[in-house]
N, C-alpha and C. Protein backbone atom coordinates (compact mmCIF):
# COMPACT_ATOMS: atom_id res chain seq x y z
N MET A 1 17.56 13.09 -1.09
CA MET A 1 17.47 13.51 -2.62
C MET A 1 18.81 14.22 -2.89
N ASP A 2 19.27 13.96 -4.11
CA ASP A 2 20.56 14.47 -4.54
C ASP A 2 20.06 15.97 -5.21
N GLN A 3 21.17 16.77 -5.17
CA GLN A 3 20.64 18.01 -5.90
C GLN A 3 21.54 18.05 -7.30
N GLY A 4 21.40 18.92 -8.28
CA GLY A 4 21.99 18.87 -9.23
C GLY A 4 21.10 19.23 -10.51
N ILE A 5 19.86 19.26 -10.60
CA ILE A 5 19.13 19.40 -11.74
C ILE A 5 19.07 20.88 -12.13
N PRO A 6 19.27 21.37 -13.45
CA PRO A 6 19.26 22.67 -13.42
C PRO A 6 17.85 22.94 -13.34
N GLY A 7 17.86 24.38 -12.56
CA GLY A 7 16.42 24.68 -12.20
C GLY A 7 16.48 24.66 -10.78
N GLY A 8 17.43 23.99 -10.00
CA GLY A 8 17.24 23.80 -8.64
C GLY A 8 16.53 22.62 -8.08
N ARG A 9 15.81 21.54 -9.11
CA ARG A 9 15.13 20.33 -8.62
C ARG A 9 16.13 19.24 -7.94
N SER A 10 15.54 18.47 -7.25
CA SER A 10 16.15 17.46 -6.54
C SER A 10 16.11 16.16 -7.52
N VAL A 11 17.21 15.34 -7.36
CA VAL A 11 17.11 14.16 -7.93
C VAL A 11 16.54 12.96 -6.95
N ILE A 12 15.27 12.31 -7.37
CA ILE A 12 14.85 11.22 -6.65
C ILE A 12 15.61 9.93 -6.84
N ARG A 13 16.24 9.43 -5.96
CA ARG A 13 16.87 8.34 -5.77
C ARG A 13 15.79 6.95 -5.44
N VAL A 14 15.79 6.01 -6.56
CA VAL A 14 14.93 4.85 -6.14
C VAL A 14 15.51 3.73 -6.09
N GLY A 15 15.08 2.72 -5.27
CA GLY A 15 15.30 1.59 -5.34
C GLY A 15 14.56 0.70 -6.09
N VAL A 16 14.84 -0.36 -6.83
CA VAL A 16 13.82 -1.53 -7.69
C VAL A 16 14.40 -2.71 -7.15
N VAL A 17 13.08 -3.37 -6.62
CA VAL A 17 13.46 -4.81 -5.90
C VAL A 17 12.60 -5.91 -6.63
N ASP A 18 12.69 -6.61 -7.73
CA ASP A 18 11.87 -7.43 -8.25
C ASP A 18 12.65 -8.65 -8.81
N ASP A 19 12.16 -9.54 -8.88
CA ASP A 19 12.92 -10.87 -9.20
C ASP A 19 12.88 -11.15 -10.50
N GLN A 20 12.27 -10.19 -11.67
CA GLN A 20 12.33 -10.47 -12.88
C GLN A 20 13.27 -9.33 -13.30
N ALA A 21 14.27 -9.61 -13.93
CA ALA A 21 15.30 -8.82 -14.27
C ALA A 21 14.54 -7.88 -15.45
N LEU A 22 13.79 -8.32 -16.23
CA LEU A 22 13.21 -7.59 -17.37
C LEU A 22 12.40 -6.49 -16.96
N VAL A 23 11.61 -6.84 -15.71
CA VAL A 23 10.73 -5.89 -14.85
C VAL A 23 11.59 -4.59 -14.48
N ARG A 24 12.93 -5.19 -13.94
CA ARG A 24 13.56 -3.99 -13.16
C ARG A 24 14.38 -3.28 -14.39
N SER A 25 14.78 -3.80 -15.52
CA SER A 25 15.41 -3.17 -16.52
C SER A 25 14.33 -1.99 -17.24
N GLY A 26 12.89 -2.66 -17.10
CA GLY A 26 11.79 -1.71 -17.63
C GLY A 26 11.67 -0.39 -16.97
N VAL A 27 11.47 -0.84 -15.82
CA VAL A 27 11.16 0.27 -14.72
C VAL A 27 12.32 1.28 -14.67
N ARG A 28 13.54 0.96 -14.70
CA ARG A 28 14.75 1.62 -14.62
C ARG A 28 14.81 2.35 -16.08
N GLY A 29 14.44 1.76 -17.08
CA GLY A 29 14.40 2.45 -18.62
C GLY A 29 13.30 3.47 -18.49
N LEU A 30 12.29 3.57 -18.18
CA LEU A 30 11.21 4.47 -17.89
C LEU A 30 11.39 5.82 -17.01
N LEU A 31 12.05 5.30 -15.87
CA LEU A 31 12.23 6.24 -14.94
C LEU A 31 13.37 7.32 -15.39
N GLU A 32 14.29 6.61 -16.21
CA GLU A 32 15.65 7.36 -16.75
C GLU A 32 14.89 8.47 -17.66
N LEU A 33 13.82 8.41 -18.29
CA LEU A 33 13.25 9.24 -19.16
C LEU A 33 12.62 10.69 -18.30
N THR A 34 12.50 10.57 -16.84
CA THR A 34 12.00 11.66 -16.41
C THR A 34 13.14 13.01 -16.15
N GLY A 35 14.27 12.43 -16.14
CA GLY A 35 15.08 13.74 -15.69
C GLY A 35 15.36 14.01 -14.11
N ASP A 36 14.34 13.70 -13.36
CA ASP A 36 14.45 14.14 -11.90
C ASP A 36 14.23 12.70 -11.21
N ILE A 37 14.23 11.55 -11.70
CA ILE A 37 14.08 10.26 -11.00
C ILE A 37 15.50 9.50 -11.57
N GLN A 38 16.25 8.76 -10.46
CA GLN A 38 17.32 7.83 -11.02
C GLN A 38 17.07 6.68 -10.36
N VAL A 39 17.38 5.38 -10.74
CA VAL A 39 17.47 4.09 -10.12
C VAL A 39 18.79 4.19 -9.52
N ALA A 40 19.06 3.94 -7.95
CA ALA A 40 20.25 3.83 -7.49
C ALA A 40 20.54 2.73 -7.05
N LEU A 41 19.38 1.50 -6.80
CA LEU A 41 19.60 0.41 -6.24
C LEU A 41 18.85 -0.61 -7.02
N GLU A 42 19.12 -1.69 -7.33
CA GLU A 42 18.31 -2.84 -7.74
C GLU A 42 18.48 -4.23 -6.90
N ALA A 43 17.65 -4.81 -6.98
CA ALA A 43 18.01 -6.19 -5.86
C ALA A 43 16.65 -7.37 -6.58
N ALA A 44 17.14 -8.54 -6.86
CA ALA A 44 16.21 -9.67 -7.10
C ALA A 44 15.24 -10.02 -6.37
N ASP A 45 15.61 -9.74 -4.88
CA ASP A 45 14.67 -10.21 -3.79
C ASP A 45 14.84 -9.45 -2.57
N GLY A 46 14.06 -9.64 -1.76
CA GLY A 46 14.01 -8.96 -0.41
C GLY A 46 15.35 -9.12 0.22
N ALA A 47 16.02 -10.41 0.36
CA ALA A 47 17.27 -10.35 0.92
C ALA A 47 18.29 -9.73 0.50
N GLU A 48 18.36 -9.79 -0.68
CA GLU A 48 19.54 -9.02 -1.40
C GLU A 48 19.16 -7.33 -1.25
N ALA A 49 17.92 -6.89 -1.37
CA ALA A 49 17.71 -5.64 -1.19
C ALA A 49 18.12 -5.21 0.19
N LEU A 50 17.83 -6.20 1.36
CA LEU A 50 17.95 -5.76 2.82
C LEU A 50 19.51 -5.56 2.93
N GLU A 51 20.52 -6.45 2.23
CA GLU A 51 21.90 -6.33 2.26
C GLU A 51 22.25 -4.96 1.88
N ARG A 52 21.85 -4.76 0.42
CA ARG A 52 22.14 -3.32 -0.13
C ARG A 52 21.92 -2.21 0.39
N LEU A 53 20.78 -2.08 1.23
CA LEU A 53 19.90 -1.23 1.82
C LEU A 53 21.02 -0.81 3.23
N MET A 54 21.73 -1.75 3.53
CA MET A 54 22.60 -1.43 4.77
C MET A 54 23.74 -0.32 4.37
N VAL A 55 23.97 -0.11 2.88
CA VAL A 55 24.96 0.92 2.41
C VAL A 55 24.38 1.95 1.64
N SER A 56 23.18 1.83 1.13
CA SER A 56 22.52 2.66 0.09
C SER A 56 21.16 3.00 0.85
N ARG A 57 20.83 4.28 0.77
CA ARG A 57 19.89 4.56 1.17
C ARG A 57 18.77 5.45 0.23
N PRO A 58 17.94 4.80 -0.74
CA PRO A 58 17.15 5.31 -1.58
C PRO A 58 16.20 6.30 -1.19
N ASP A 59 15.69 7.27 -1.81
CA ASP A 59 14.56 8.18 -1.23
C ASP A 59 13.29 7.36 -1.61
N VAL A 60 13.00 6.23 -2.30
CA VAL A 60 11.79 5.60 -2.71
C VAL A 60 12.09 4.29 -3.16
N LEU A 61 11.34 3.30 -2.34
CA LEU A 61 11.54 1.83 -2.74
C LEU A 61 10.46 1.34 -3.48
N LEU A 62 10.59 0.73 -4.70
CA LEU A 62 9.62 0.20 -5.58
C LEU A 62 9.95 -1.50 -5.27
N LEU A 63 8.76 -2.27 -5.08
CA LEU A 63 8.73 -3.29 -4.30
C LEU A 63 7.95 -4.43 -5.00
N ASP A 64 8.40 -5.52 -5.65
CA ASP A 64 7.41 -6.56 -5.94
C ASP A 64 6.96 -7.09 -4.72
N VAL A 65 5.39 -7.24 -5.04
CA VAL A 65 4.72 -7.96 -3.81
C VAL A 65 5.27 -9.26 -3.40
N ARG A 66 5.44 -10.19 -4.51
CA ARG A 66 5.58 -11.46 -4.41
C ARG A 66 6.85 -11.79 -5.10
N MET A 67 7.87 -12.32 -4.20
CA MET A 67 9.31 -12.95 -4.79
C MET A 67 9.63 -14.29 -3.82
N PRO A 68 10.36 -14.95 -4.77
CA PRO A 68 10.94 -16.02 -4.06
C PRO A 68 11.62 -15.64 -2.77
N GLY A 69 11.63 -16.38 -1.54
CA GLY A 69 12.24 -16.09 -0.29
C GLY A 69 11.61 -14.85 0.36
N MET A 70 12.26 -13.85 0.40
CA MET A 70 11.68 -12.85 1.21
C MET A 70 10.96 -11.65 0.24
N SER A 71 9.58 -11.69 0.31
CA SER A 71 8.99 -10.89 -0.28
C SER A 71 9.02 -9.47 -0.20
N GLY A 72 8.14 -8.66 -0.98
CA GLY A 72 8.24 -7.22 -0.73
C GLY A 72 7.71 -6.78 0.40
N ILE A 73 6.30 -7.50 0.91
CA ILE A 73 6.01 -6.95 2.22
C ILE A 73 6.74 -7.63 3.40
N ASP A 74 7.62 -8.56 3.11
CA ASP A 74 8.36 -9.18 4.26
C ASP A 74 9.51 -8.11 4.63
N LEU A 75 9.98 -7.54 3.53
CA LEU A 75 11.03 -6.65 3.38
C LEU A 75 10.54 -5.52 4.10
N LEU A 76 9.29 -4.93 3.83
CA LEU A 76 8.57 -3.77 4.70
C LEU A 76 8.83 -3.90 6.04
N ARG A 77 8.23 -5.26 6.63
CA ARG A 77 8.14 -5.55 8.06
C ARG A 77 9.41 -5.31 8.61
N VAL A 78 10.64 -5.89 8.05
CA VAL A 78 11.86 -5.93 8.82
C VAL A 78 12.35 -4.55 8.77
N LEU A 79 12.21 -3.70 7.60
CA LEU A 79 12.71 -2.53 7.58
C LEU A 79 11.96 -1.62 8.48
N ASN A 80 10.66 -1.66 8.50
CA ASN A 80 9.70 -1.15 9.49
C ASN A 80 10.13 -1.53 10.95
N ASP A 81 10.51 -2.79 11.51
CA ASP A 81 10.97 -2.96 12.62
C ASP A 81 12.28 -2.22 12.99
N ARG A 82 13.41 -2.12 11.93
CA ARG A 82 14.48 -1.60 12.19
C ARG A 82 14.34 -0.23 12.22
N GLY A 83 13.23 0.40 11.81
CA GLY A 83 13.11 2.03 11.86
C GLY A 83 13.91 2.90 10.68
N ARG A 84 14.09 1.53 9.66
CA ARG A 84 15.05 2.11 8.16
C ARG A 84 14.17 2.03 7.35
N LEU A 85 12.85 2.25 7.24
CA LEU A 85 11.88 2.21 6.15
C LEU A 85 11.83 3.18 5.36
N PRO A 86 12.01 3.51 4.15
CA PRO A 86 11.99 4.70 3.38
C PRO A 86 10.38 4.51 2.65
N PRO A 87 10.01 5.57 2.44
CA PRO A 87 8.71 5.58 1.51
C PRO A 87 8.89 4.44 0.45
N ALA A 88 7.84 3.73 0.53
CA ALA A 88 7.85 2.47 -0.27
C ALA A 88 6.62 2.20 -1.09
N ILE A 89 6.52 1.88 -2.39
CA ILE A 89 5.32 1.67 -3.19
C ILE A 89 5.65 0.11 -3.52
N LEU A 90 4.25 -0.67 -3.33
CA LEU A 90 4.41 -1.78 -3.69
C LEU A 90 3.79 -2.16 -5.35
N LEU A 91 4.61 -3.13 -6.01
CA LEU A 91 3.97 -3.10 -7.52
C LEU A 91 3.62 -4.65 -7.69
N THR A 92 2.66 -4.89 -8.43
CA THR A 92 2.23 -6.18 -8.41
C THR A 92 1.33 -6.21 -10.13
N THR A 93 1.41 -7.48 -10.46
CA THR A 93 0.69 -7.84 -11.94
C THR A 93 -0.85 -7.94 -11.66
N PHE A 94 -1.18 -7.98 -10.68
CA PHE A 94 -2.71 -8.11 -10.40
C PHE A 94 -2.86 -7.45 -9.20
N ASP A 95 -4.46 -7.15 -8.96
CA ASP A 95 -4.74 -6.62 -7.62
C ASP A 95 -5.12 -7.65 -6.94
N ASP A 96 -4.46 -7.64 -5.51
CA ASP A 96 -4.80 -8.57 -4.45
C ASP A 96 -5.25 -7.99 -3.32
N ASP A 97 -6.55 -7.76 -2.71
CA ASP A 97 -6.82 -7.10 -1.72
C ASP A 97 -6.08 -7.23 -0.54
N GLU A 98 -6.03 -8.65 -0.10
CA GLU A 98 -5.20 -9.00 0.75
C GLU A 98 -3.84 -8.49 1.12
N ALA A 99 -3.12 -8.47 -0.08
CA ALA A 99 -1.83 -7.94 -0.33
C ALA A 99 -1.90 -6.28 0.22
N LEU A 100 -3.06 -5.78 -0.35
CA LEU A 100 -2.97 -4.36 -0.38
C LEU A 100 -3.20 -3.81 1.31
N LEU A 101 -4.04 -4.71 2.06
CA LEU A 101 -4.02 -4.51 3.56
C LEU A 101 -2.87 -5.08 4.06
N ALA A 102 -2.12 -5.85 3.78
CA ALA A 102 -0.94 -6.44 4.59
C ALA A 102 0.14 -5.20 4.47
N GLY A 103 0.51 -4.97 2.94
CA GLY A 103 1.08 -3.83 2.77
C GLY A 103 0.87 -2.48 3.55
N MET A 104 -0.44 -2.02 3.67
CA MET A 104 -0.55 -0.98 4.55
C MET A 104 0.06 -1.18 5.82
N ARG A 105 -0.54 -2.36 6.38
CA ARG A 105 -0.16 -2.55 7.90
C ARG A 105 1.63 -2.60 8.09
N ALA A 106 2.05 -3.11 6.99
CA ALA A 106 3.56 -3.12 7.02
C ALA A 106 4.44 -1.68 6.74
N GLY A 107 3.53 -0.79 6.36
CA GLY A 107 4.22 0.54 6.08
C GLY A 107 4.42 1.11 4.64
N ALA A 108 3.75 0.28 3.75
CA ALA A 108 3.70 0.88 2.43
C ALA A 108 3.02 2.11 2.22
N ARG A 109 3.46 3.19 1.31
CA ARG A 109 2.80 4.27 0.99
C ARG A 109 1.97 4.07 -0.22
N GLY A 110 2.30 3.08 -0.70
CA GLY A 110 1.31 3.10 -2.08
C GLY A 110 1.18 1.63 -2.90
N PHE A 111 0.45 1.19 -3.70
CA PHE A 111 0.21 0.07 -4.35
C PHE A 111 -0.32 0.09 -5.82
N LEU A 112 0.54 -0.30 -6.86
CA LEU A 112 0.36 0.03 -8.22
C LEU A 112 0.54 -1.08 -8.94
N LEU A 113 0.04 -1.38 -10.05
CA LEU A 113 0.00 -2.39 -11.19
C LEU A 113 1.31 -2.08 -11.72
N LYS A 114 1.92 -3.17 -12.34
CA LYS A 114 3.25 -3.04 -13.25
C LYS A 114 2.90 -2.42 -14.39
N ASP A 115 1.51 -2.55 -14.91
CA ASP A 115 1.12 -1.79 -16.31
C ASP A 115 0.88 -0.76 -16.20
N ILE A 116 1.29 0.29 -14.88
CA ILE A 116 1.04 1.46 -15.04
C ILE A 116 2.00 2.46 -15.95
N SER A 117 1.32 3.48 -16.47
CA SER A 117 1.91 4.32 -17.24
C SER A 117 3.30 5.01 -16.80
N LEU A 118 4.22 5.56 -17.59
CA LEU A 118 5.22 6.39 -17.12
C LEU A 118 4.68 7.49 -16.18
N GLU A 119 3.90 8.32 -16.55
CA GLU A 119 3.09 9.43 -15.90
C GLU A 119 2.69 9.10 -14.45
N ARG A 120 2.21 7.99 -14.39
CA ARG A 120 1.40 7.69 -13.36
C ARG A 120 2.62 7.14 -12.15
N LEU A 121 3.42 6.35 -12.82
CA LEU A 121 4.62 5.72 -11.83
C LEU A 121 5.53 6.92 -11.28
N ALA A 122 5.83 7.83 -12.27
CA ALA A 122 6.88 8.94 -11.67
C ALA A 122 6.00 9.72 -10.81
N ASP A 123 4.80 10.05 -11.05
CA ASP A 123 3.99 11.02 -10.16
C ASP A 123 3.91 10.39 -8.86
N ALA A 124 3.66 8.79 -8.85
CA ALA A 124 3.53 8.02 -7.54
C ALA A 124 5.09 8.18 -6.94
N VAL A 125 6.06 7.79 -7.59
CA VAL A 125 7.31 7.99 -6.76
C VAL A 125 7.53 9.50 -6.44
N ARG A 126 7.17 10.59 -6.99
CA ARG A 126 7.58 12.12 -6.60
C ARG A 126 6.49 12.32 -5.21
N ARG A 127 5.15 11.77 -5.28
CA ARG A 127 4.35 12.00 -4.40
C ARG A 127 4.77 11.08 -3.12
N ALA A 128 5.47 10.07 -3.12
CA ALA A 128 5.70 9.34 -2.02
C ALA A 128 6.89 9.91 -1.47
N ALA A 129 8.09 10.52 -2.39
CA ALA A 129 9.14 10.96 -1.85
C ALA A 129 8.87 12.38 -1.18
N ALA A 130 7.70 12.81 -1.25
CA ALA A 130 7.16 14.11 -0.62
C ALA A 130 6.48 13.83 0.26
N GLY A 131 6.43 12.62 0.80
CA GLY A 131 5.81 12.12 2.08
C GLY A 131 4.13 11.76 2.08
N GLU A 132 3.51 11.85 0.92
CA GLU A 132 2.28 11.36 0.66
C GLU A 132 1.88 9.81 0.56
N THR A 133 0.82 9.75 0.99
CA THR A 133 0.34 8.36 1.06
C THR A 133 -0.69 8.07 -0.27
N LEU A 134 -0.29 6.98 -0.95
CA LEU A 134 -1.09 6.95 -2.40
C LEU A 134 -2.14 5.88 -2.21
N PHE A 135 -2.72 5.35 -1.06
CA PHE A 135 -3.77 4.45 -1.03
C PHE A 135 -5.09 5.19 -1.23
N ARG A 136 -5.11 6.47 -0.91
CA ARG A 136 -6.56 7.19 -0.87
C ARG A 136 -6.21 8.50 -1.36
N PRO A 137 -6.62 9.07 -2.59
CA PRO A 137 -7.60 8.23 -3.50
C PRO A 137 -6.70 7.47 -4.56
N GLY A 138 -5.49 7.22 -4.36
CA GLY A 138 -4.76 6.42 -5.21
C GLY A 138 -4.87 5.01 -5.32
N LEU A 139 -5.71 4.39 -4.68
CA LEU A 139 -6.08 2.86 -4.86
C LEU A 139 -6.03 2.59 -6.37
N THR A 140 -5.64 1.37 -6.56
CA THR A 140 -5.33 0.68 -7.94
C THR A 140 -7.05 0.94 -8.54
N GLU A 141 -7.09 1.09 -9.72
CA GLU A 141 -8.41 1.39 -10.33
C GLU A 141 -9.32 0.12 -10.20
N ARG A 142 -8.60 -0.98 -10.59
CA ARG A 142 -9.51 -2.47 -10.43
C ARG A 142 -9.75 -2.48 -9.22
N VAL A 143 -9.09 -2.29 -8.11
CA VAL A 143 -9.52 -2.32 -6.65
C VAL A 143 -10.60 -1.41 -6.47
N LEU A 144 -10.51 -0.22 -6.84
CA LEU A 144 -11.76 0.84 -6.39
C LEU A 144 -12.92 0.06 -7.46
N ASP A 145 -12.75 -0.30 -8.62
CA ASP A 145 -13.82 -0.78 -9.36
C ASP A 145 -14.63 -2.06 -8.19
N GLY A 146 -13.87 -2.82 -7.77
CA GLY A 146 -14.51 -3.65 -6.82
C GLY A 146 -15.21 -3.35 -5.73
N VAL A 147 -14.50 -2.16 -5.07
CA VAL A 147 -15.13 -1.43 -3.93
C VAL A 147 -16.29 -1.02 -4.35
N ARG A 148 -16.51 -0.31 -5.67
CA ARG A 148 -17.53 0.45 -5.78
C ARG A 148 -18.77 -0.29 -6.45
N GLY A 149 -18.64 -1.50 -6.66
CA GLY A 149 -19.64 -2.41 -7.34
C GLY A 149 -19.49 -3.64 -7.93
N GLY A 150 -17.95 -4.15 -8.01
CA GLY A 150 -17.85 -5.28 -8.80
C GLY A 150 -17.99 -6.34 -7.97
N GLY A 151 -19.24 -7.04 -7.84
CA GLY A 151 -19.53 -8.27 -7.26
C GLY A 151 -20.23 -8.11 -6.03
N PHE A 152 -20.57 -6.97 -5.67
CA PHE A 152 -21.26 -6.54 -4.48
C PHE A 152 -22.24 -5.26 -4.50
N PRO A 153 -23.20 -5.05 -3.52
CA PRO A 153 -24.08 -3.82 -4.00
C PRO A 153 -23.26 -2.48 -3.65
N LYS A 154 -23.47 -1.83 -4.20
CA LYS A 154 -23.00 -0.33 -4.35
C LYS A 154 -23.97 0.66 -3.83
N LEU A 155 -23.58 1.33 -2.78
CA LEU A 155 -24.34 2.29 -1.85
C LEU A 155 -23.88 3.91 -2.35
N ASP A 156 -24.63 4.32 -2.98
CA ASP A 156 -24.03 5.71 -3.08
C ASP A 156 -24.07 6.77 -1.79
N LEU A 157 -25.10 6.70 -0.92
CA LEU A 157 -25.28 7.24 0.16
C LEU A 157 -25.04 6.32 1.27
N PRO A 158 -23.99 5.75 1.70
CA PRO A 158 -24.48 4.56 2.72
C PRO A 158 -24.57 5.36 4.08
N GLU A 159 -25.32 4.43 5.08
CA GLU A 159 -25.65 5.20 6.20
C GLU A 159 -24.51 5.19 7.04
N ARG A 160 -24.26 6.34 7.88
CA ARG A 160 -22.98 6.52 8.51
C ARG A 160 -22.89 5.70 9.47
N LEU A 161 -21.67 5.15 9.81
CA LEU A 161 -21.10 4.53 10.73
C LEU A 161 -21.20 5.22 12.18
N THR A 162 -21.67 4.45 13.32
CA THR A 162 -21.30 5.08 14.76
C THR A 162 -19.84 5.40 14.89
N SER A 163 -19.56 5.97 15.96
CA SER A 163 -18.37 6.32 16.50
C SER A 163 -17.87 4.97 17.02
N ARG A 164 -18.64 4.21 17.44
CA ARG A 164 -18.09 2.66 17.84
C ARG A 164 -17.59 1.75 16.83
N GLU A 165 -18.48 1.99 15.75
CA GLU A 165 -18.24 0.99 14.56
C GLU A 165 -16.84 1.58 13.74
N VAL A 166 -16.50 3.11 13.69
CA VAL A 166 -15.39 3.37 13.20
C VAL A 166 -14.34 2.85 14.02
N GLU A 167 -14.40 2.52 15.28
CA GLU A 167 -13.54 2.23 16.03
C GLU A 167 -13.23 0.75 15.66
N VAL A 168 -14.12 -0.06 15.60
CA VAL A 168 -14.24 -1.40 15.35
C VAL A 168 -13.57 -1.40 13.76
N LEU A 169 -13.92 -0.69 12.77
CA LEU A 169 -13.47 -0.73 11.41
C LEU A 169 -11.94 -0.37 11.35
N ALA A 170 -11.38 0.57 12.12
CA ALA A 170 -10.06 0.76 12.18
C ALA A 170 -9.18 -0.52 12.77
N LEU A 171 -9.71 -0.99 13.87
CA LEU A 171 -9.04 -2.31 14.20
C LEU A 171 -8.98 -3.54 13.45
N MET A 172 -10.40 -3.42 12.57
CA MET A 172 -10.44 -4.47 11.44
C MET A 172 -9.12 -4.24 10.30
N ALA A 173 -8.98 -3.06 10.25
CA ALA A 173 -8.05 -2.70 9.16
C ALA A 173 -6.76 -3.18 9.67
N GLY A 174 -6.41 -3.07 11.06
CA GLY A 174 -5.25 -3.35 11.60
C GLY A 174 -4.83 -5.05 11.61
N GLY A 175 -6.07 -5.79 11.32
CA GLY A 175 -5.88 -7.23 11.22
C GLY A 175 -6.21 -8.06 12.43
N PHE A 176 -7.15 -7.38 13.32
CA PHE A 176 -7.47 -7.82 14.49
C PHE A 176 -8.76 -8.61 14.32
N ASN A 177 -9.10 -9.75 15.01
CA ASN A 177 -10.09 -10.57 14.78
C ASN A 177 -11.01 -10.09 16.05
N ASN A 178 -12.38 -10.77 15.98
CA ASN A 178 -13.64 -10.16 16.79
C ASN A 178 -13.01 -10.36 18.15
N ARG A 179 -12.46 -11.43 18.78
CA ARG A 179 -11.85 -11.57 20.06
C ARG A 179 -10.98 -10.58 20.44
N GLU A 180 -10.23 -10.34 19.61
CA GLU A 180 -8.79 -9.08 19.94
C GLU A 180 -9.61 -7.65 20.04
N ILE A 181 -10.46 -7.44 18.91
CA ILE A 181 -11.10 -6.37 19.28
C ILE A 181 -12.16 -6.04 20.49
N ALA A 182 -12.47 -7.16 20.85
CA ALA A 182 -13.43 -6.96 22.04
C ALA A 182 -12.49 -7.00 23.32
N ASP A 183 -11.45 -7.45 23.20
CA ASP A 183 -10.40 -7.15 24.28
C ASP A 183 -9.74 -5.89 24.35
N ALA A 184 -9.81 -5.22 23.12
CA ALA A 184 -9.25 -3.94 23.02
C ALA A 184 -10.17 -2.77 23.58
N LEU A 185 -11.41 -3.14 22.91
CA LEU A 185 -12.57 -2.18 23.40
C LEU A 185 -13.63 -2.22 24.67
N GLY A 186 -13.46 -3.71 24.90
CA GLY A 186 -14.39 -3.83 26.25
C GLY A 186 -15.61 -4.61 25.80
N PRO A 187 -16.29 -4.41 25.27
CA PRO A 187 -17.88 -5.23 25.08
C PRO A 187 -17.33 -6.60 24.62
N SER A 188 -18.16 -7.70 24.73
CA SER A 188 -18.32 -8.98 24.52
C SER A 188 -17.87 -9.27 22.95
N GLU A 189 -17.40 -10.56 22.88
CA GLU A 189 -17.27 -10.86 21.29
C GLU A 189 -18.45 -10.89 20.42
N GLY A 190 -19.58 -11.25 21.20
CA GLY A 190 -20.73 -11.13 20.45
C GLY A 190 -21.29 -9.71 20.25
N THR A 191 -20.93 -8.66 20.92
CA THR A 191 -21.35 -7.55 20.54
C THR A 191 -20.40 -7.12 19.41
N ILE A 192 -19.23 -7.56 19.25
CA ILE A 192 -18.13 -6.75 18.32
C ILE A 192 -18.86 -7.65 16.97
N LYS A 193 -19.37 -8.75 17.22
CA LYS A 193 -19.66 -9.68 15.85
C LYS A 193 -20.96 -8.74 15.45
N ASN A 194 -21.81 -8.27 16.08
CA ASN A 194 -22.99 -7.50 15.92
C ASN A 194 -22.43 -6.13 15.02
N HIS A 195 -21.35 -5.62 15.61
CA HIS A 195 -20.89 -4.31 15.05
C HIS A 195 -20.35 -4.68 13.59
N VAL A 196 -19.70 -5.66 13.48
CA VAL A 196 -19.09 -5.92 12.30
C VAL A 196 -19.97 -6.24 11.26
N SER A 197 -21.24 -7.09 11.77
CA SER A 197 -22.27 -7.25 10.99
C SER A 197 -22.91 -5.94 10.32
N SER A 198 -23.05 -5.09 11.37
CA SER A 198 -23.62 -3.71 10.86
C SER A 198 -22.99 -3.03 9.99
N ILE A 199 -21.49 -2.91 10.01
CA ILE A 199 -20.37 -2.30 9.27
C ILE A 199 -20.57 -2.85 8.00
N LEU A 200 -20.71 -4.28 7.80
CA LEU A 200 -20.80 -4.80 6.69
C LEU A 200 -22.08 -4.30 5.84
N SER A 201 -23.09 -4.10 6.44
CA SER A 201 -24.44 -3.76 5.98
C SER A 201 -24.53 -2.44 5.63
N LYS A 202 -24.09 -1.65 6.40
CA LYS A 202 -24.09 -0.06 6.11
C LYS A 202 -23.11 0.15 4.80
N LEU A 203 -22.13 -0.35 4.77
CA LEU A 203 -20.99 -0.23 3.55
C LEU A 203 -21.32 -1.03 2.51
N GLY A 204 -22.60 -1.96 2.76
CA GLY A 204 -22.89 -2.43 1.26
C GLY A 204 -21.79 -3.48 0.86
N VAL A 205 -20.93 -4.16 1.58
CA VAL A 205 -20.05 -5.22 1.40
C VAL A 205 -20.24 -6.45 2.03
N ARG A 206 -19.28 -7.62 1.49
CA ARG A 206 -19.98 -8.85 2.08
C ARG A 206 -18.83 -9.36 2.73
N ASP A 207 -17.51 -8.66 3.03
CA ASP A 207 -16.42 -9.38 3.88
C ASP A 207 -15.60 -8.15 4.57
N ARG A 208 -14.67 -8.74 5.29
CA ARG A 208 -13.93 -7.61 6.19
C ARG A 208 -12.95 -6.95 5.21
N VAL A 209 -12.33 -7.84 4.32
CA VAL A 209 -11.55 -6.94 3.44
C VAL A 209 -12.22 -5.65 2.89
N ARG A 210 -13.10 -6.14 2.07
CA ARG A 210 -13.79 -4.81 1.26
C ARG A 210 -14.42 -3.86 2.27
N ALA A 211 -14.67 -4.37 3.51
CA ALA A 211 -15.29 -3.26 4.35
C ALA A 211 -14.22 -2.14 4.57
N VAL A 212 -12.92 -2.70 4.80
CA VAL A 212 -11.91 -1.92 5.03
C VAL A 212 -11.45 -0.95 3.93
N LEU A 213 -11.54 -1.56 2.44
CA LEU A 213 -11.17 -0.60 1.51
C LEU A 213 -12.49 0.27 1.27
N ARG A 214 -13.67 0.00 1.65
CA ARG A 214 -14.54 0.70 1.57
C ARG A 214 -14.71 1.94 2.53
N GLY A 215 -14.17 1.49 3.60
CA GLY A 215 -13.89 2.47 4.53
C GLY A 215 -12.75 3.57 4.20
N LEU A 216 -11.77 3.02 3.67
CA LEU A 216 -10.68 4.07 2.95
C LEU A 216 -11.19 4.89 2.01
N GLU A 217 -12.22 4.76 1.17
CA GLU A 217 -12.53 5.20 0.10
C GLU A 217 -13.51 6.47 0.80
N LEU A 218 -14.47 6.31 1.73
CA LEU A 218 -15.30 7.01 2.25
C LEU A 218 -14.33 7.90 3.42
N GLY A 219 -13.24 7.68 3.67
CA GLY A 219 -12.68 8.70 4.73
C GLY A 219 -12.82 8.33 6.02
N TYR A 220 -13.23 7.01 6.44
CA TYR A 220 -13.47 6.54 7.94
C TYR A 220 -11.86 6.05 8.36
N ILE A 221 -11.15 5.72 7.65
CA ILE A 221 -9.83 5.36 8.11
C ILE A 221 -8.70 6.00 7.54
């Protein structure tokens, strides 16, 4: 982060990667109002961003989830593999549970909707620059609405998961299937299937994605 703001505050340098020029312009215009955050890099897709990141190292990346060619999640994976991933926040125009989990696995620090207010966007950038993770409790509100009762039963006080179920849930969050979880933990695939069914039942959800999100909300992951 650059120095230079009166009062000793640092300037947070941000990279904005989005295939829509209007979005990039809007984000830049908003962040320029903060005084302590400036857009230091812009790119229209992941490939262009990857090239520019070879010579520029912003403090935080704001990445569109879905772009032609290399998406924001693809860019995360490449930068993570190279050990050059700065704190990154994924931006999208809709809530996408699968994208949220894929982004988490690829190393994203946060996931926000593009219609976010300046105050929340600036706060997210500052928190990411400080090393914080924004998924819990900063999951987008509509995702949390789904976790808490949008279309599946809500349990105010769900039955606690066993230690083995917590291990299984953690591997589910990593994208492993039942056979891979069985190989990692030792029991049969049928036993893991029973654990998964128990997890879904205890958390009051109907699928693995919502189980992981509910586990995040409750602090299991």
